[in-house]
Amino acid sequence: MLRRFVLVIASLVCASCYTGSNDSLREPVSQQGVSATIQANLPYGAMEAQVAASFYKDGRKQALVGGDIVVAYSDTELHAAILRSIENLGGDYIANIPVDDSEQGVEFSIEHDPVAAREDRWYPVDELLVDPGPGELVGYRFDVNFPSDIVLTSPLPSETYTDREQRILLNWNAETDSDQIRLTSVQTCFSGEHSVQWATSTIINSPDTGSHDIRVGSLIPSTTVVNAISDFFQQISVMIVSSVLEAYTFGLVSADDIDLGAYNLDYCTISLTVFREISNDLGAEMSGGYAIGSSSDTVTVRYEP
């Protein structure tokens, strides 16, 4: 049987689902003018940052076409990476980029480079090359800085929970700055040859308290219906966590209903990523959206009923 991959941008739409406080850093996309939603995340101990970006015109997501690309630079342009589309013409772009000095952050730039734009095509880049010239988004540049590292001290990796009423205690190094803390979790449940996967993402602390606990049952409900939600407030954080998974979608498709009450669970893995997030300035030319710099740490635990 084929594995079922379902990745949901959530608040999950049911009474038992977990919700956190409001997101103070992500301004909405404007219905007029150009908006951007950008995030650069540096996982603890990593030498590469995960970067993601989407761009909007008059509230509508824009795919970069005709040779336009978005490029991320780090360490004063020592390293560069072209962000590639998750789905053809989908308008969501991700990449990994080496970072030698986290204090220098990452710069995003929309550029016109028809050859580089076609480097991932199956045909030679110098064939079928039609260059209509730069689009209207070319020239925008954004700087994103990282907050200080976040390091999880609990739970321990591979810690096992056997009851939905048990609580997962998260602890990390708190900072005195009023940084926003986000919890993004990816749940994968297995039953024989079948598996189902979804994600939740929510704000848990603002300001930073250094601890949070969450009931296992709020992440692995006994009976619930999970629907795909495309919510730009949550989307990029889930894209960044899930970009390291072999999942083909990030809440951008309609999902089948999942009734875990009728699902004979063998076990579930729960991958918990805690982000420390800070806001960066998009500049006066942007009508809306946000630029988030974040650090993160991840731990994976198990649920075995």
Protein backbone atom coordinates (compact mmCIF):
# COMPACT_ATOMS: atom_id res chain seq x y z
CA MET A 1 0.00 0.00 0.00
CA LEU A 2 1.14 3.51 -0.74
CA ARG A 3 2.11 5.62 2.21
CA ARG A 4 -0.25 8.50 2.84
CA PHE A 5 1.53 11.78 3.39
CA VAL A 6 -0.70 14.54 4.66
CA LEU A 7 0.93 17.70 5.98
CA VAL A 8 -1.45 20.23 7.49
CA ILE A 9 -0.84 23.83 8.45
CA ALA A 10 -2.83 23.98 11.62
CA SER A 11 -4.71 25.25 14.07
CA LEU A 12 -6.66 22.00 13.73
CA VAL A 13 -10.36 22.62 13.39
CA CYS A 14 -11.79 20.78 16.37
CA ALA A 15 -12.51 21.47 20.01
CA SER A 16 -9.70 19.25 21.29
CA CYS A 17 -6.99 20.89 19.20
CA TYR A 18 -4.26 22.91 20.84
CA THR A 19 -4.08 26.65 20.18
CA GLY A 20 -1.64 29.25 21.47
CA SER A 21 -1.49 33.01 21.78
CA ASN A 22 -1.64 35.45 18.89
CA ASP A 23 1.31 35.87 16.53
CA SER A 24 2.67 39.40 17.06
CA LEU A 25 5.39 39.27 14.38
CA ARG A 26 3.56 38.20 11.22
CA GLU A 27 1.78 41.13 9.68
CA PRO A 28 -0.90 40.23 7.13
CA VAL A 29 -0.34 40.41 3.40
CA SER A 30 -1.74 43.63 1.96
CA GLN A 31 -4.52 43.58 -0.60
CA GLN A 32 -2.76 46.43 -2.41
CA GLY A 33 0.84 46.68 -3.55
CA VAL A 34 3.68 44.20 -3.01
CA SER A 35 3.99 42.02 0.12
CA ALA A 36 6.52 39.40 1.18
CA THR A 37 6.56 36.57 3.73
CA ILE A 38 10.17 35.61 4.48
CA GLN A 39 11.91 33.51 7.10
CA ALA A 40 15.52 32.50 7.73
CA ASN A 41 16.05 29.86 10.40
CA LEU A 42 19.30 28.58 11.92
CA PRO A 43 18.95 25.21 13.71
CA TYR A 44 21.08 24.69 16.81
CA GLY A 45 24.52 23.30 15.95
CA ALA A 46 23.94 23.57 12.20
CA MET A 47 26.22 25.23 9.67
CA GLU A 48 23.36 25.82 7.24
CA ALA A 49 20.33 28.06 7.52
CA GLN A 50 16.93 27.13 6.15
CA VAL A 51 15.39 29.95 4.13
CA ALA A 52 11.89 30.35 2.71
CA ALA A 53 10.05 33.11 0.89
CA SER A 54 6.77 33.93 -0.84
CA PHE A 55 5.79 37.15 -2.62
CA TYR A 56 2.40 38.74 -3.23
CA LYS A 57 0.92 41.39 -5.53
CA ASP A 58 -2.40 42.89 -4.45
CA GLY A 59 -2.93 40.00 -2.06
CA ARG A 60 -2.27 37.26 -4.63
CA LYS A 61 0.77 34.98 -4.38
CA GLN A 62 3.19 35.52 -7.24
CA ALA A 63 5.29 32.86 -8.95
CA LEU A 64 8.66 34.07 -10.22
CA VAL A 65 8.74 33.44 -13.97
CA GLY A 66 10.65 34.48 -17.08
CA GLY A 67 14.10 34.24 -15.52
CA ASP A 68 13.35 35.95 -12.21
CA ILE A 69 14.76 34.23 -9.10
CA VAL A 70 15.09 34.86 -5.38
CA VAL A 71 18.63 34.44 -4.06
CA ALA A 72 19.79 34.22 -0.44
CA TYR A 73 23.26 35.47 0.54
CA SER A 74 25.13 34.90 3.80
CA ASP A 75 28.44 36.05 5.28
CA THR A 76 28.52 39.26 3.20
CA GLU A 77 27.70 37.37 -0.02
CA LEU A 78 30.40 34.73 0.53
CA HIS A 79 27.69 32.07 0.16
CA ALA A 80 24.69 32.20 -2.17
CA ALA A 81 21.74 29.88 -2.79
CA ILE A 82 18.83 30.14 -5.24
CA LEU A 83 15.52 29.39 -3.58
CA ARG A 84 13.66 26.79 -5.62
CA SER A 85 9.90 26.40 -5.92
CA ILE A 86 8.30 23.65 -3.84
CA GLU A 87 5.70 23.19 -6.57
CA ASN A 88 5.91 24.48 -10.15
CA LEU A 89 4.43 27.99 -10.23
CA GLY A 90 3.25 27.53 -6.64
CA GLY A 91 4.98 30.68 -5.38
CA ASP A 92 6.64 29.12 -2.30
CA TYR A 93 10.44 28.99 -2.38
CA ILE A 94 12.94 27.25 -0.08
CA ALA A 95 16.68 26.54 0.12
CA ASN A 96 19.53 25.81 2.51
CA ILE A 97 22.51 28.15 2.67
CA PRO A 98 25.86 27.81 4.51
CA VAL A 99 26.30 30.24 7.41
CA ASP A 100 29.76 30.78 8.90
CA ASP A 101 28.86 33.80 11.03
CA SER A 102 25.32 33.87 12.40
CA GLU A 103 25.68 37.51 13.45
CA GLN A 104 25.73 38.60 9.80
CA GLY A 105 22.32 37.12 9.02
CA VAL A 106 20.96 36.45 5.52
CA GLU A 107 20.11 38.80 2.65
CA PHE A 108 17.30 37.98 0.21
CA SER A 109 17.39 39.46 -3.28
CA ILE A 110 15.00 39.14 -6.23
CA GLU A 111 17.13 39.07 -9.36
CA HIS A 112 16.82 38.44 -13.10
CA ASP A 113 19.05 35.60 -14.28
CA PRO A 114 17.45 33.46 -17.02
CA VAL A 115 20.30 30.93 -17.09
CA ALA A 116 20.40 30.38 -13.30
CA ALA A 117 16.60 30.16 -13.23
CA ARG A 118 16.79 27.08 -15.49
CA GLU A 119 19.67 25.26 -13.81
CA ASP A 120 17.35 22.66 -12.31
CA ARG A 121 15.67 21.85 -15.63
CA TRP A 122 16.20 18.54 -17.41
CA TYR A 123 17.19 20.21 -20.69
CA PRO A 124 20.41 22.22 -21.30
CA VAL A 125 20.04 25.73 -19.90
CA ASP A 126 21.16 27.34 -23.18
CA GLU A 127 18.31 25.71 -25.12
CA LEU A 128 14.70 26.89 -25.24
CA LEU A 129 15.85 30.12 -23.60
CA VAL A 130 13.31 32.90 -24.01
CA ASP A 131 14.10 36.02 -22.00
CA PRO A 132 11.19 38.45 -21.59
CA GLY A 133 13.27 40.72 -19.34
CA PRO A 134 13.05 41.37 -15.61
CA GLY A 135 9.68 41.32 -13.89
CA GLU A 136 8.30 43.98 -11.58
CA LEU A 137 9.54 42.25 -8.41
CA VAL A 138 13.22 42.36 -9.45
CA GLY A 139 15.30 44.70 -7.32
CA TYR A 140 13.69 44.07 -3.95
CA ARG A 141 16.22 43.19 -1.22
CA PHE A 142 15.66 42.22 2.41
CA ASP A 143 18.04 41.64 5.33
CA VAL A 144 17.15 39.08 8.00
CA ASN A 145 19.08 38.74 11.27
CA PHE A 146 19.05 35.74 13.62
CA PRO A 147 18.22 35.78 17.35
CA SER A 148 20.43 34.01 19.88
CA ASP A 149 20.54 30.19 19.88
CA ILE A 150 17.75 28.21 21.47
CA VAL A 151 18.72 24.87 23.07
CA LEU A 152 16.20 22.29 24.27
CA THR A 153 17.10 20.56 27.55
CA SER A 154 13.95 18.43 27.74
CA PRO A 155 12.37 16.18 26.71
CA LEU A 156 15.16 13.75 25.91
CA PRO A 157 15.36 12.27 22.40
CA SER A 158 13.31 9.09 21.92
CA GLU A 159 11.44 9.60 25.20
CA THR A 160 8.33 7.42 25.07
CA TYR A 161 4.78 8.28 26.19
CA THR A 162 2.06 5.66 26.60
CA ASP A 163 -1.00 7.70 27.56
CA ARG A 164 -2.66 10.66 25.85
CA GLU A 165 -3.08 12.32 29.25
CA GLN A 166 0.68 12.49 29.79
CA ARG A 167 2.28 15.89 29.32
CA ILE A 168 5.41 16.63 27.33
CA LEU A 169 7.57 19.11 29.25
CA LEU A 170 9.65 21.39 27.04
CA ASN A 171 12.50 23.37 28.60
CA TRP A 172 15.03 25.62 26.89
CA ASN A 173 17.39 28.50 27.64
CA ALA A 174 15.23 31.56 28.20
CA GLU A 175 16.34 35.04 27.11
CA THR A 176 15.54 38.33 28.79
CA ASP A 177 14.55 39.87 25.46
CA SER A 178 10.88 39.61 24.61
CA ASP A 179 11.45 37.09 21.83
CA GLN A 180 8.51 35.20 20.45
CA ILE A 181 8.57 31.40 20.86
CA ARG A 182 6.83 29.13 18.37
CA LEU A 183 6.25 25.38 18.64
CA THR A 184 5.94 23.46 15.38
CA SER A 185 5.30 19.72 15.59
CA VAL A 186 5.19 17.03 12.93
CA GLN A 187 3.24 13.93 13.92
CA THR A 188 3.68 10.66 12.00
CA CYS A 189 1.49 7.73 13.04
CA PHE A 190 2.05 4.16 11.85
CA SER A 191 -0.28 1.20 11.49
CA GLY A 192 1.22 -1.79 9.73
CA GLU A 193 2.25 -0.66 6.25
CA HIS A 194 0.24 2.54 6.50
CA SER A 195 1.29 5.90 7.87
CA VAL A 196 -0.28 9.33 8.14
CA GLN A 197 1.53 12.59 8.79
CA TRP A 198 0.43 16.11 9.68
CA ALA A 199 1.80 19.21 11.33
CA THR A 200 0.74 21.88 13.82
CA SER A 201 2.33 25.26 14.43
CA THR A 202 1.46 27.79 17.13
CA ILE A 203 2.88 30.51 19.37
CA ILE A 204 3.51 29.25 22.90
CA ASN A 205 5.44 32.01 24.70
CA SER A 206 5.69 35.74 24.23
CA PRO A 207 7.72 36.87 26.09
CA ASP A 208 10.11 33.95 26.47
CA THR A 209 9.59 31.93 29.69
CA GLY A 210 11.92 29.00 28.88
CA SER A 211 9.31 26.28 29.45
CA HIS A 212 6.05 24.91 28.14
CA ASP A 213 4.10 21.70 28.58
CA ILE A 214 1.62 20.15 26.20
CA ARG A 215 -0.68 17.14 26.56
CA VAL A 216 0.14 14.22 24.27
CA GLY A 217 -3.54 13.94 23.38
CA SER A 218 -3.60 17.47 21.97
CA LEU A 219 -1.06 16.36 19.36
CA ILE A 220 -2.35 12.79 18.88
CA PRO A 221 -6.13 13.10 19.43
CA SER A 222 -8.10 9.89 19.82
CA THR A 223 -10.82 10.98 17.43
CA THR A 224 -10.57 14.01 15.24
CA VAL A 225 -10.96 15.19 11.71
CA VAL A 226 -7.91 16.92 10.25
CA ASN A 227 -8.44 19.27 7.32
CA ALA A 228 -5.82 20.98 5.17
CA ILE A 229 -5.59 24.68 5.94
CA SER A 230 -3.50 27.08 3.86
CA ASP A 231 -2.74 29.85 6.36
CA PHE A 232 0.20 32.11 5.55
CA PHE A 233 0.61 32.96 9.26
CA GLN A 234 1.75 29.40 9.92
CA GLN A 235 2.90 28.21 6.51
CA ILE A 236 6.57 29.19 6.40
CA SER A 237 7.47 27.75 9.82
CA VAL A 238 6.00 24.41 8.80
CA MET A 239 7.76 24.58 5.42
CA ILE A 240 11.09 25.09 7.17
CA VAL A 241 10.63 22.16 9.55
CA SER A 242 9.23 19.91 6.85
CA SER A 243 11.82 20.73 4.20
CA VAL A 244 14.06 18.10 5.82
CA LEU A 245 11.32 15.47 5.48
CA GLU A 246 10.46 13.52 2.36
CA ALA A 247 7.02 15.09 2.23
CA TYR A 248 5.69 16.43 -1.02
CA THR A 249 3.30 19.03 0.28
CA PHE A 250 3.19 21.66 3.00
CA GLY A 251 -0.51 22.10 3.60
CA LEU A 252 -1.02 23.30 0.04
CA VAL A 253 -3.35 20.50 -1.08
CA SER A 254 -6.69 19.22 0.13
CA ALA A 255 -6.24 16.35 2.56
CA ASP A 256 -8.46 13.37 3.12
CA ASP A 257 -10.18 13.34 6.49
CA ILE A 258 -8.19 11.43 9.10
CA ASP A 259 -10.16 9.64 11.79
CA LEU A 260 -7.58 8.47 14.31
CA GLY A 261 -10.32 6.88 16.35
CA ALA A 262 -10.69 4.25 13.62
CA TYR A 263 -6.94 4.02 13.06
CA ASN A 264 -5.27 1.06 14.78
CA LEU A 265 -2.09 2.79 15.93
CA ASP A 266 1.15 0.88 16.35
CA TYR A 267 3.07 4.00 17.39
CA CYS A 268 3.58 7.65 16.51
CA THR A 269 6.67 9.83 16.32
CA ILE A 270 6.32 13.45 17.39
CA SER A 271 8.99 15.81 16.10
CA LEU A 272 8.96 18.99 18.21
CA THR A 273 10.75 22.10 16.95
CA VAL A 274 10.91 25.19 19.14
CA PHE A 275 11.69 28.45 17.34
CA ARG A 276 12.97 31.69 18.86
CA GLU A 277 11.68 34.37 16.48
CA ILE A 278 12.43 38.06 15.92
CA SER A 279 10.99 40.52 13.43
CA ASN A 280 13.03 42.23 10.72
CA ASP A 281 12.13 45.30 8.68
CA LEU A 282 10.89 44.71 5.14
CA GLY A 283 11.36 48.36 4.22
CA ALA A 284 8.98 51.15 3.27
CA GLU A 285 8.44 49.81 -0.26
CA MET A 286 6.62 46.73 1.07
CA SER A 287 2.90 47.09 1.68
CA GLY A 288 2.58 44.11 4.02
CA GLY A 289 3.91 40.78 5.16
CA TYR A 290 6.89 39.98 7.38
CA ALA A 291 10.55 38.99 7.56
CA ILE A 292 11.28 36.60 10.44
CA GLY A 293 14.70 35.59 11.69
CA SER A 294 14.70 32.52 13.92
CA SER A 295 16.83 29.98 15.70
CA SER A 296 15.50 26.52 16.49
CA ASP A 297 16.13 23.20 18.18
CA THR A 298 14.33 19.91 17.53
CA VAL A 299 13.67 16.77 19.54
CA THR A 300 11.70 13.67 18.50
CA VAL A 301 9.69 11.59 20.98
CA ARG A 302 7.42 8.56 20.61
CA TYR A 303 3.83 7.75 21.52
CA GLU A 304 3.11 4.02 21.95
CA PRO A 305 -0.46 3.37 23.14
